[in-house]
N, C-alpha and C. Protein backbone atom coordinates (compact mmCIF):
# COMPACT_ATOMS: atom_id res chain seq x y z
N THR A 1 81.40 98.71 104.07
CA THR A 1 82.28 99.40 103.17
C THR A 1 83.66 99.56 103.77
N VAL A 2 83.71 99.98 105.02
CA VAL A 2 85.01 100.18 105.69
C VAL A 2 85.77 98.86 105.75
N GLY A 3 85.11 97.83 106.20
CA GLY A 3 85.75 96.54 106.37
C GLY A 3 86.35 96.05 105.05
N GLU A 4 85.66 96.25 103.95
CA GLU A 4 86.13 95.80 102.67
C GLU A 4 87.32 96.61 102.14
N ASN A 5 87.45 97.81 102.61
CA ASN A 5 88.49 98.76 102.06
C ASN A 5 89.53 99.24 103.02
N TYR A 6 89.45 98.87 104.32
CA TYR A 6 90.34 99.39 105.32
C TYR A 6 91.82 99.02 104.99
N GLY A 7 92.04 97.87 104.44
CA GLY A 7 93.37 97.43 104.10
C GLY A 7 94.08 98.25 103.03
N LEU A 8 93.36 99.08 102.35
CA LEU A 8 93.97 99.94 101.35
C LEU A 8 94.77 101.04 101.96
N ASN A 9 94.68 101.26 103.29
CA ASN A 9 95.39 102.28 104.05
C ASN A 9 95.18 103.64 103.50
N ARG A 10 93.90 103.97 103.19
CA ARG A 10 93.49 105.29 102.73
C ARG A 10 92.31 105.74 103.58
N VAL A 11 92.10 107.03 103.59
CA VAL A 11 90.94 107.57 104.29
C VAL A 11 89.69 107.14 103.51
N ILE A 12 88.73 106.62 104.20
CA ILE A 12 87.49 106.17 103.56
C ILE A 12 86.39 107.15 103.97
N GLY A 13 85.62 107.63 103.00
CA GLY A 13 84.57 108.59 103.27
C GLY A 13 83.19 108.08 102.92
N ASP A 14 82.20 108.59 103.63
CA ASP A 14 80.80 108.26 103.38
C ASP A 14 80.19 109.63 103.01
N ASP A 15 79.82 109.78 101.74
CA ASP A 15 79.47 111.14 101.21
C ASP A 15 78.02 111.11 100.73
N GLU A 16 77.28 112.11 101.14
CA GLU A 16 75.88 112.35 100.73
C GLU A 16 74.98 111.16 100.89
N THR A 17 74.82 110.73 102.12
CA THR A 17 73.92 109.68 102.40
C THR A 17 72.47 110.24 102.39
N GLY A 18 71.52 109.38 102.42
CA GLY A 18 70.14 109.90 102.53
C GLY A 18 69.10 108.91 102.22
N PHE A 19 67.84 109.37 102.33
CA PHE A 19 66.65 108.65 101.95
C PHE A 19 66.42 107.39 102.77
N SER A 20 66.78 107.48 104.06
CA SER A 20 66.69 106.32 104.93
C SER A 20 65.56 106.40 105.91
N GLY A 21 64.64 107.36 105.73
CA GLY A 21 63.62 107.56 106.74
C GLY A 21 64.03 108.67 107.70
N SER A 22 63.25 108.81 108.79
CA SER A 22 63.61 109.92 109.70
C SER A 22 63.78 109.48 111.14
N GLU A 23 63.31 108.37 111.58
CA GLU A 23 63.43 107.92 112.97
C GLU A 23 63.91 106.52 113.08
N PRO A 24 64.90 106.16 113.89
CA PRO A 24 65.79 107.10 114.52
C PRO A 24 66.53 107.91 113.44
N ASN A 25 67.13 109.05 113.81
CA ASN A 25 67.74 109.87 112.80
C ASN A 25 68.75 109.03 112.05
N PRO A 26 68.50 108.72 110.79
CA PRO A 26 69.40 107.83 110.04
C PRO A 26 70.80 108.41 109.85
N TYR A 27 70.93 109.70 109.78
CA TYR A 27 72.23 110.29 109.60
C TYR A 27 73.10 110.13 110.90
N ARG A 28 72.46 110.32 112.04
CA ARG A 28 73.23 110.11 113.27
C ARG A 28 73.69 108.67 113.37
N VAL A 29 72.78 107.75 113.15
CA VAL A 29 73.09 106.34 113.29
C VAL A 29 74.13 105.91 112.26
N GLU A 30 73.93 106.32 111.00
CA GLU A 30 74.91 105.97 109.98
C GLU A 30 76.28 106.60 110.26
N GLY A 31 76.29 107.84 110.72
CA GLY A 31 77.56 108.51 111.06
C GLY A 31 78.34 107.73 112.15
N TRP A 32 77.67 107.40 113.23
CA TRP A 32 78.31 106.65 114.31
C TRP A 32 78.80 105.30 113.80
N ASP A 33 77.93 104.59 113.11
CA ASP A 33 78.29 103.27 112.62
C ASP A 33 79.51 103.34 111.71
N PHE A 34 79.54 104.30 110.83
CA PHE A 34 80.64 104.43 109.85
C PHE A 34 81.93 104.85 110.50
N ILE A 35 81.90 105.86 111.34
CA ILE A 35 83.17 106.34 111.94
C ILE A 35 83.72 105.33 112.90
N ILE A 36 82.90 104.70 113.76
CA ILE A 36 83.46 103.71 114.70
C ILE A 36 83.92 102.46 113.97
N ALA A 37 83.38 102.22 112.79
CA ALA A 37 83.90 101.09 111.98
C ALA A 37 85.27 101.37 111.40
N GLY A 38 85.75 102.64 111.50
CA GLY A 38 87.04 103.01 111.01
C GLY A 38 87.03 103.99 109.83
N GLY A 39 85.85 104.48 109.49
CA GLY A 39 85.74 105.49 108.43
C GLY A 39 86.37 106.81 108.86
N GLY A 40 86.81 107.60 107.90
CA GLY A 40 87.52 108.83 108.17
C GLY A 40 86.77 110.08 107.89
N VAL A 41 85.79 110.04 107.02
CA VAL A 41 85.00 111.24 106.66
C VAL A 41 83.53 110.89 106.54
N PHE A 42 82.66 111.63 107.20
CA PHE A 42 81.25 111.40 107.06
C PHE A 42 80.60 112.78 106.81
N ASP A 43 79.96 112.92 105.63
CA ASP A 43 79.15 114.09 105.41
C ASP A 43 77.87 113.60 104.79
N ASN A 44 76.80 114.27 105.09
CA ASN A 44 75.49 113.80 104.73
C ASN A 44 74.67 114.89 104.11
N LEU A 45 73.61 114.48 103.44
CA LEU A 45 72.63 115.47 102.98
C LEU A 45 71.90 116.06 104.16
N ASP A 46 71.58 117.29 104.15
CA ASP A 46 70.87 117.94 105.19
C ASP A 46 69.81 118.81 104.54
N TYR A 47 68.57 118.38 104.61
CA TYR A 47 67.50 119.05 103.90
C TYR A 47 67.08 120.37 104.49
N SER A 48 67.73 120.81 105.60
CA SER A 48 67.45 122.14 106.12
C SER A 48 68.19 123.19 105.32
N PHE A 49 69.11 122.79 104.47
CA PHE A 49 69.85 123.73 103.60
C PHE A 49 69.21 123.58 102.20
N ALA A 50 68.80 124.70 101.60
CA ALA A 50 68.24 124.65 100.27
C ALA A 50 68.32 126.05 99.68
N VAL A 51 68.08 126.18 98.39
CA VAL A 51 68.14 127.50 97.75
C VAL A 51 67.15 128.41 98.46
N GLY A 52 67.64 129.56 98.85
CA GLY A 52 66.80 130.50 99.61
C GLY A 52 66.85 130.25 101.10
N HIS A 53 67.46 129.15 101.51
CA HIS A 53 67.63 128.83 102.94
C HIS A 53 69.03 128.34 103.22
N GLU A 54 69.96 129.10 102.73
CA GLU A 54 71.38 128.76 102.83
C GLU A 54 71.84 128.76 104.30
N ASP A 55 71.03 129.25 105.19
CA ASP A 55 71.34 129.32 106.60
C ASP A 55 70.79 128.09 107.39
N GLY A 56 70.25 127.13 106.66
CA GLY A 56 69.76 125.91 107.29
C GLY A 56 68.38 125.99 107.93
N THR A 57 67.58 126.93 107.46
CA THR A 57 66.23 127.16 108.01
C THR A 57 65.14 126.57 107.19
N ASN A 58 65.42 125.85 106.16
CA ASN A 58 64.37 125.25 105.26
C ASN A 58 63.49 124.28 106.04
N LYS A 59 62.22 124.27 105.78
CA LYS A 59 61.28 123.29 106.32
C LYS A 59 61.65 121.94 105.73
N ILE A 60 61.91 120.95 106.58
CA ILE A 60 62.38 119.64 106.09
C ILE A 60 61.16 118.81 105.74
N ASP A 61 61.06 118.47 104.50
CA ASP A 61 59.95 117.68 103.98
C ASP A 61 60.51 116.57 103.07
N ALA A 62 61.50 115.88 103.59
CA ALA A 62 62.17 114.83 102.82
C ALA A 62 62.67 113.78 103.77
N PRO A 63 62.82 112.52 103.33
CA PRO A 63 63.35 111.47 104.24
C PRO A 63 64.77 111.77 104.62
N GLY A 64 65.09 111.54 105.86
CA GLY A 64 66.46 111.79 106.26
C GLY A 64 66.66 112.91 107.20
N GLY A 65 65.86 113.96 107.01
CA GLY A 65 65.88 115.12 107.88
C GLY A 65 67.10 116.00 107.84
N GLY A 66 67.47 116.56 108.94
CA GLY A 66 68.56 117.55 109.03
C GLY A 66 68.20 118.53 110.13
N GLY A 67 68.91 119.65 110.10
CA GLY A 67 68.59 120.77 111.03
C GLY A 67 69.35 120.72 112.32
N PRO A 68 69.00 121.63 113.24
CA PRO A 68 69.80 121.80 114.49
C PRO A 68 69.90 120.53 115.34
N VAL A 69 68.88 119.72 115.42
CA VAL A 69 68.98 118.51 116.23
C VAL A 69 70.06 117.60 115.69
N LEU A 70 70.07 117.40 114.36
CA LEU A 70 71.10 116.58 113.72
C LEU A 70 72.48 117.21 113.89
N TRP A 71 72.60 118.50 113.72
CA TRP A 71 73.91 119.16 113.87
C TRP A 71 74.47 118.88 115.28
N LYS A 72 73.59 119.01 116.31
CA LYS A 72 74.07 118.75 117.67
C LYS A 72 74.50 117.32 117.81
N GLN A 73 73.68 116.34 117.28
CA GLN A 73 74.03 114.94 117.44
C GLN A 73 75.31 114.57 116.66
N LEU A 74 75.55 115.17 115.53
CA LEU A 74 76.81 114.85 114.82
C LEU A 74 77.97 115.57 115.53
N GLY A 75 77.73 116.68 116.22
CA GLY A 75 78.74 117.30 117.08
C GLY A 75 79.12 116.39 118.19
N ILE A 76 78.17 115.66 118.76
CA ILE A 76 78.46 114.70 119.84
C ILE A 76 79.40 113.58 119.31
N LEU A 77 79.13 113.09 118.12
CA LEU A 77 80.02 112.11 117.50
C LEU A 77 81.42 112.70 117.30
N ARG A 78 81.48 113.92 116.79
CA ARG A 78 82.81 114.60 116.60
C ARG A 78 83.54 114.67 117.92
N ASP A 79 82.87 115.14 118.99
CA ASP A 79 83.52 115.29 120.26
C ASP A 79 83.95 113.96 120.83
N PHE A 80 83.11 112.94 120.68
CA PHE A 80 83.44 111.62 121.14
C PHE A 80 84.72 111.10 120.47
N VAL A 81 84.78 111.19 119.22
CA VAL A 81 85.97 110.68 118.46
C VAL A 81 87.17 111.55 118.73
N ASN A 82 87.01 112.86 118.86
CA ASN A 82 88.14 113.75 119.15
C ASN A 82 88.63 113.56 120.56
N GLY A 83 87.91 112.84 121.40
CA GLY A 83 88.35 112.55 122.77
C GLY A 83 89.44 111.48 122.82
N PHE A 84 89.75 110.90 121.68
CA PHE A 84 90.74 109.85 121.53
C PHE A 84 91.86 110.31 120.62
N ASP A 85 92.99 109.65 120.70
CA ASP A 85 94.02 109.83 119.66
C ASP A 85 93.72 108.80 118.59
N PHE A 86 92.60 109.09 117.87
CA PHE A 86 91.99 108.07 116.98
C PHE A 86 92.90 107.65 115.83
N VAL A 87 93.91 108.40 115.51
CA VAL A 87 94.82 108.00 114.42
C VAL A 87 95.57 106.70 114.84
N LYS A 88 95.69 106.47 116.14
CA LYS A 88 96.39 105.28 116.64
C LYS A 88 95.42 104.12 116.77
N MET A 89 94.12 104.32 116.51
CA MET A 89 93.12 103.31 116.79
C MET A 89 92.82 102.57 115.48
N ARG A 90 92.40 101.30 115.61
CA ARG A 90 92.03 100.46 114.47
C ARG A 90 90.67 99.78 114.71
N PRO A 91 89.94 99.52 113.64
CA PRO A 91 88.73 98.75 113.85
C PRO A 91 89.06 97.34 114.33
N ASP A 92 88.36 96.90 115.39
CA ASP A 92 88.59 95.56 115.91
C ASP A 92 87.36 95.11 116.67
N ASN A 93 86.37 94.62 115.91
CA ASN A 93 85.11 94.19 116.51
C ASN A 93 85.32 92.89 117.31
N SER A 94 86.48 92.25 117.20
CA SER A 94 86.68 91.01 117.93
C SER A 94 86.81 91.22 119.41
N VAL A 95 87.03 92.44 119.91
CA VAL A 95 87.07 92.71 121.35
C VAL A 95 85.70 92.52 122.00
N VAL A 96 84.64 92.63 121.20
CA VAL A 96 83.28 92.42 121.71
C VAL A 96 82.97 90.92 121.61
N LYS A 97 82.89 90.28 122.79
CA LYS A 97 82.70 88.84 122.88
C LYS A 97 81.27 88.40 123.06
N GLY A 98 80.38 89.29 123.36
CA GLY A 98 78.97 88.95 123.57
C GLY A 98 78.21 90.08 124.21
N GLY A 99 76.95 89.76 124.49
CA GLY A 99 76.08 90.73 125.17
C GLY A 99 75.49 91.82 124.33
N VAL A 100 75.62 91.67 123.00
CA VAL A 100 74.98 92.63 122.09
C VAL A 100 73.51 92.25 122.02
N PRO A 101 72.62 93.27 122.19
CA PRO A 101 71.20 92.92 122.13
C PRO A 101 70.79 92.27 120.79
N GLU A 102 69.74 91.45 120.84
CA GLU A 102 69.23 90.77 119.64
C GLU A 102 68.90 91.86 118.57
N LYS A 103 69.29 91.55 117.33
CA LYS A 103 69.10 92.40 116.16
C LYS A 103 69.86 93.72 116.21
N ALA A 104 70.79 93.84 117.15
CA ALA A 104 71.67 95.05 117.22
C ALA A 104 73.02 94.67 116.68
N THR A 105 73.80 95.72 116.39
CA THR A 105 75.18 95.52 115.98
C THR A 105 76.11 96.28 116.89
N ALA A 106 77.36 95.82 117.00
CA ALA A 106 78.35 96.53 117.76
C ALA A 106 79.62 96.69 116.93
N ARG A 107 80.17 97.86 116.95
CA ARG A 107 81.42 98.16 116.23
C ARG A 107 82.43 98.67 117.27
N ALA A 108 83.68 98.36 117.06
CA ALA A 108 84.72 98.81 118.00
C ALA A 108 85.93 99.42 117.25
N LEU A 109 86.38 100.53 117.74
CA LEU A 109 87.57 101.19 117.25
C LEU A 109 88.50 101.19 118.46
N VAL A 110 89.74 100.60 118.30
CA VAL A 110 90.52 100.21 119.47
C VAL A 110 91.99 100.62 119.33
N GLN A 111 92.55 101.00 120.39
CA GLN A 111 93.98 101.08 120.61
C GLN A 111 94.20 100.13 121.80
N ALA A 112 94.55 98.84 121.52
CA ALA A 112 94.47 97.81 122.50
C ALA A 112 95.25 98.15 123.74
N GLY A 113 94.53 97.89 124.89
CA GLY A 113 95.13 98.16 126.17
C GLY A 113 95.05 99.58 126.63
N ARG A 114 94.64 100.49 125.71
CA ARG A 114 94.60 101.91 126.07
C ARG A 114 93.21 102.54 125.99
N VAL A 115 92.64 102.47 124.80
CA VAL A 115 91.30 103.08 124.59
C VAL A 115 90.44 102.21 123.68
N TYR A 116 89.15 102.26 123.93
CA TYR A 116 88.17 101.49 123.17
C TYR A 116 86.95 102.38 122.95
N ALA A 117 86.55 102.51 121.71
CA ALA A 117 85.26 103.18 121.36
C ALA A 117 84.35 102.13 120.79
N ILE A 118 83.27 101.92 121.39
CA ILE A 118 82.28 100.88 120.95
C ILE A 118 80.94 101.55 120.74
N TYR A 119 80.31 101.20 119.62
CA TYR A 119 79.01 101.77 119.28
C TYR A 119 78.04 100.61 119.11
N ILE A 120 76.92 100.72 119.81
CA ILE A 120 75.87 99.69 119.71
C ILE A 120 74.67 100.36 118.99
N ASN A 121 74.28 99.74 117.87
CA ASN A 121 73.21 100.27 117.05
C ASN A 121 72.04 99.24 117.23
N GLY A 122 71.05 99.62 117.98
CA GLY A 122 69.88 98.79 118.22
C GLY A 122 69.78 98.34 119.66
N GLY A 123 68.61 97.83 119.97
CA GLY A 123 68.34 97.37 121.30
C GLY A 123 67.99 98.50 122.24
N SER A 124 67.92 98.16 123.56
CA SER A 124 67.60 99.20 124.58
C SER A 124 68.35 99.01 125.84
N GLU A 125 69.14 97.89 125.93
CA GLU A 125 70.00 97.68 127.06
C GLU A 125 70.99 96.54 126.68
N ALA A 126 72.24 96.70 127.08
CA ALA A 126 73.21 95.71 126.70
C ALA A 126 73.98 95.21 127.97
N GLN A 127 74.39 94.00 127.94
CA GLN A 127 75.37 93.44 128.91
C GLN A 127 76.56 93.02 128.10
N LEU A 128 77.31 94.07 127.66
CA LEU A 128 78.42 93.86 126.72
C LEU A 128 79.58 93.19 127.34
N VAL A 129 80.03 92.12 126.71
CA VAL A 129 81.22 91.38 127.13
C VAL A 129 82.40 91.82 126.27
N VAL A 130 83.40 92.43 126.87
CA VAL A 130 84.52 92.99 126.22
C VAL A 130 85.81 92.34 126.66
N GLU A 131 86.66 92.00 125.72
CA GLU A 131 87.98 91.40 126.02
C GLU A 131 88.97 92.55 126.30
N LEU A 132 89.54 92.56 127.49
CA LEU A 132 90.48 93.63 127.88
C LEU A 132 91.70 92.99 128.46
N PRO A 133 92.87 93.56 128.25
CA PRO A 133 94.08 93.10 128.95
C PRO A 133 94.07 93.63 130.41
N ASN A 134 94.98 93.08 131.20
CA ASN A 134 95.19 93.51 132.56
C ASN A 134 95.35 94.98 132.69
N GLY A 135 94.65 95.61 133.63
CA GLY A 135 94.82 97.05 133.82
C GLY A 135 93.72 97.71 134.58
N ASN A 136 93.81 98.98 134.74
CA ASN A 136 92.79 99.77 135.39
C ASN A 136 92.04 100.54 134.27
N TYR A 137 90.73 100.62 134.40
CA TYR A 137 89.93 101.19 133.34
C TYR A 137 88.82 102.11 133.89
N THR A 138 88.39 103.00 133.08
CA THR A 138 87.17 103.76 133.26
C THR A 138 86.27 103.48 132.05
N ALA A 139 85.03 103.12 132.30
CA ALA A 139 84.06 102.90 131.25
C ALA A 139 82.93 103.92 131.34
N GLU A 140 82.68 104.57 130.28
CA GLU A 140 81.57 105.57 130.21
C GLU A 140 80.62 105.27 129.08
N TRP A 141 79.36 105.17 129.41
CA TRP A 141 78.30 104.96 128.44
C TRP A 141 77.78 106.34 128.03
N VAL A 142 77.93 106.68 126.75
CA VAL A 142 77.63 108.01 126.28
C VAL A 142 76.31 107.99 125.43
N ASN A 143 75.42 108.92 125.80
CA ASN A 143 74.15 109.06 125.12
C ASN A 143 74.43 109.77 123.79
N THR A 144 74.16 109.09 122.65
CA THR A 144 74.47 109.66 121.32
C THR A 144 73.56 110.83 120.94
N LYS A 145 72.52 111.04 121.69
CA LYS A 145 71.59 112.17 121.37
C LYS A 145 71.89 113.41 122.26
N THR A 146 72.38 113.22 123.44
CA THR A 146 72.62 114.35 124.34
C THR A 146 74.09 114.60 124.63
N GLY A 147 74.94 113.58 124.42
CA GLY A 147 76.35 113.71 124.73
C GLY A 147 76.67 113.48 126.22
N GLU A 148 75.62 113.23 127.01
CA GLU A 148 75.81 113.04 128.43
C GLU A 148 76.35 111.66 128.70
N VAL A 149 77.16 111.52 129.77
CA VAL A 149 77.57 110.21 130.19
C VAL A 149 76.46 109.69 131.10
N ASP A 150 75.78 108.65 130.63
CA ASP A 150 74.61 108.12 131.33
C ASP A 150 75.00 107.12 132.43
N LYS A 151 76.20 106.56 132.31
CA LYS A 151 76.69 105.65 133.35
C LYS A 151 78.20 105.58 133.28
N LYS A 152 78.83 105.57 134.43
CA LYS A 152 80.28 105.52 134.51
C LYS A 152 80.74 104.59 135.60
N GLU A 153 81.80 103.81 135.30
CA GLU A 153 82.39 102.97 136.32
C GLU A 153 83.89 102.86 136.11
N THR A 154 84.62 102.73 137.21
CA THR A 154 86.06 102.43 137.16
C THR A 154 86.27 101.09 137.75
N PHE A 155 87.25 100.37 137.22
CA PHE A 155 87.48 99.00 137.70
C PHE A 155 88.93 98.59 137.39
N GLU A 156 89.38 97.67 138.24
CA GLU A 156 90.66 97.03 138.00
C GLU A 156 90.30 95.65 137.38
N HIS A 157 91.11 95.30 136.34
CA HIS A 157 90.76 94.10 135.57
C HIS A 157 91.99 93.26 135.46
N SER A 158 91.85 91.94 135.69
CA SER A 158 92.99 91.03 135.61
C SER A 158 93.21 90.48 134.23
N GLY A 159 92.45 90.88 133.27
CA GLY A 159 92.60 90.40 131.89
C GLY A 159 91.52 89.42 131.53
N GLY A 160 91.14 89.39 130.25
CA GLY A 160 90.12 88.48 129.78
C GLY A 160 88.80 89.22 129.57
N SER A 161 87.72 88.49 129.71
CA SER A 161 86.39 89.07 129.44
C SER A 161 85.89 89.89 130.63
N ARG A 162 85.28 90.98 130.34
CA ARG A 162 84.64 91.83 131.36
C ARG A 162 83.28 92.20 130.88
N THR A 163 82.24 92.03 131.67
CA THR A 163 80.91 92.41 131.32
C THR A 163 80.62 93.85 131.81
N LEU A 164 80.17 94.65 130.89
CA LEU A 164 79.81 96.06 131.22
C LEU A 164 78.35 96.23 130.85
N GLY A 165 77.56 96.52 131.88
CA GLY A 165 76.11 96.72 131.68
C GLY A 165 75.80 98.18 131.34
N SER A 166 75.07 98.37 130.25
CA SER A 166 74.69 99.69 129.83
C SER A 166 73.50 100.18 130.65
N PRO A 167 73.28 101.47 130.64
CA PRO A 167 71.96 101.93 131.13
C PRO A 167 70.95 101.66 130.03
N LYS A 168 69.68 101.84 130.32
CA LYS A 168 68.63 101.78 129.33
C LYS A 168 68.88 102.91 128.33
N TYR A 169 68.61 102.63 127.07
CA TYR A 169 68.76 103.61 126.04
C TYR A 169 67.73 103.40 124.92
N VAL A 170 67.63 104.35 124.04
CA VAL A 170 66.75 104.29 122.89
C VAL A 170 67.56 104.33 121.62
N ASP A 171 67.45 103.30 120.80
CA ASP A 171 68.04 103.22 119.46
C ASP A 171 69.55 102.86 119.45
N ASP A 172 70.36 103.61 120.17
CA ASP A 172 71.80 103.39 120.07
C ASP A 172 72.51 104.01 121.31
N ILE A 173 73.72 103.59 121.52
CA ILE A 173 74.54 104.14 122.65
C ILE A 173 76.02 103.85 122.28
N ALA A 174 76.88 104.63 122.90
CA ALA A 174 78.32 104.50 122.69
C ALA A 174 78.99 104.23 124.03
N LEU A 175 80.06 103.48 123.96
CA LEU A 175 80.85 103.14 125.17
C LEU A 175 82.29 103.56 124.96
N ARG A 176 82.82 104.32 125.92
CA ARG A 176 84.19 104.77 125.90
C ARG A 176 84.88 104.06 127.10
N ILE A 177 85.97 103.30 126.77
CA ILE A 177 86.76 102.61 127.78
C ILE A 177 88.16 103.16 127.72
N LEU A 178 88.66 103.69 128.83
CA LEU A 178 89.98 104.30 128.89
C LEU A 178 90.83 103.65 129.92
N SER A 179 92.09 103.51 129.65
CA SER A 179 93.10 103.07 130.59
C SER A 179 94.13 104.15 130.72
N PRO A 180 94.38 104.66 131.97
CA PRO A 180 95.33 105.76 132.11
C PRO A 180 96.72 105.43 131.65
């Protein structure tokens, strides 16, 4: 959706998603996929909110889930994105040259030469090949479920392709690449 509409130069929203099953948390995965693709607004159904349970304490008995675990995971996405000057970033999946696990996808939101936000949906370990200009970089692999940096490296790069190996992960992982 974002790719088809990004050229309109408008904020693109993903509103009231749902009914995608419960594991991995479809809202977390969809939120990361959508925002790193260049989407601007993500809000989802959360079955922990219902009549009589306006505080989010409803027993979840519907596909898609919700509740405190999801709130924390979407907060991790918010914090990840807010760690960038994302208004200056653009979707650019072409920076990912290879190393995406089989049956997985990779999306990239980029301010070329400065910051790169990459999201891998699927697989359990990646040897991601990323095209970067000459410079000094810090790469951090962020766990989308805990917000922890599971692996960090700093490197000097002469330009061209750079392979960045992820730690083992379950379902999905995010990569933050920064140049001072």
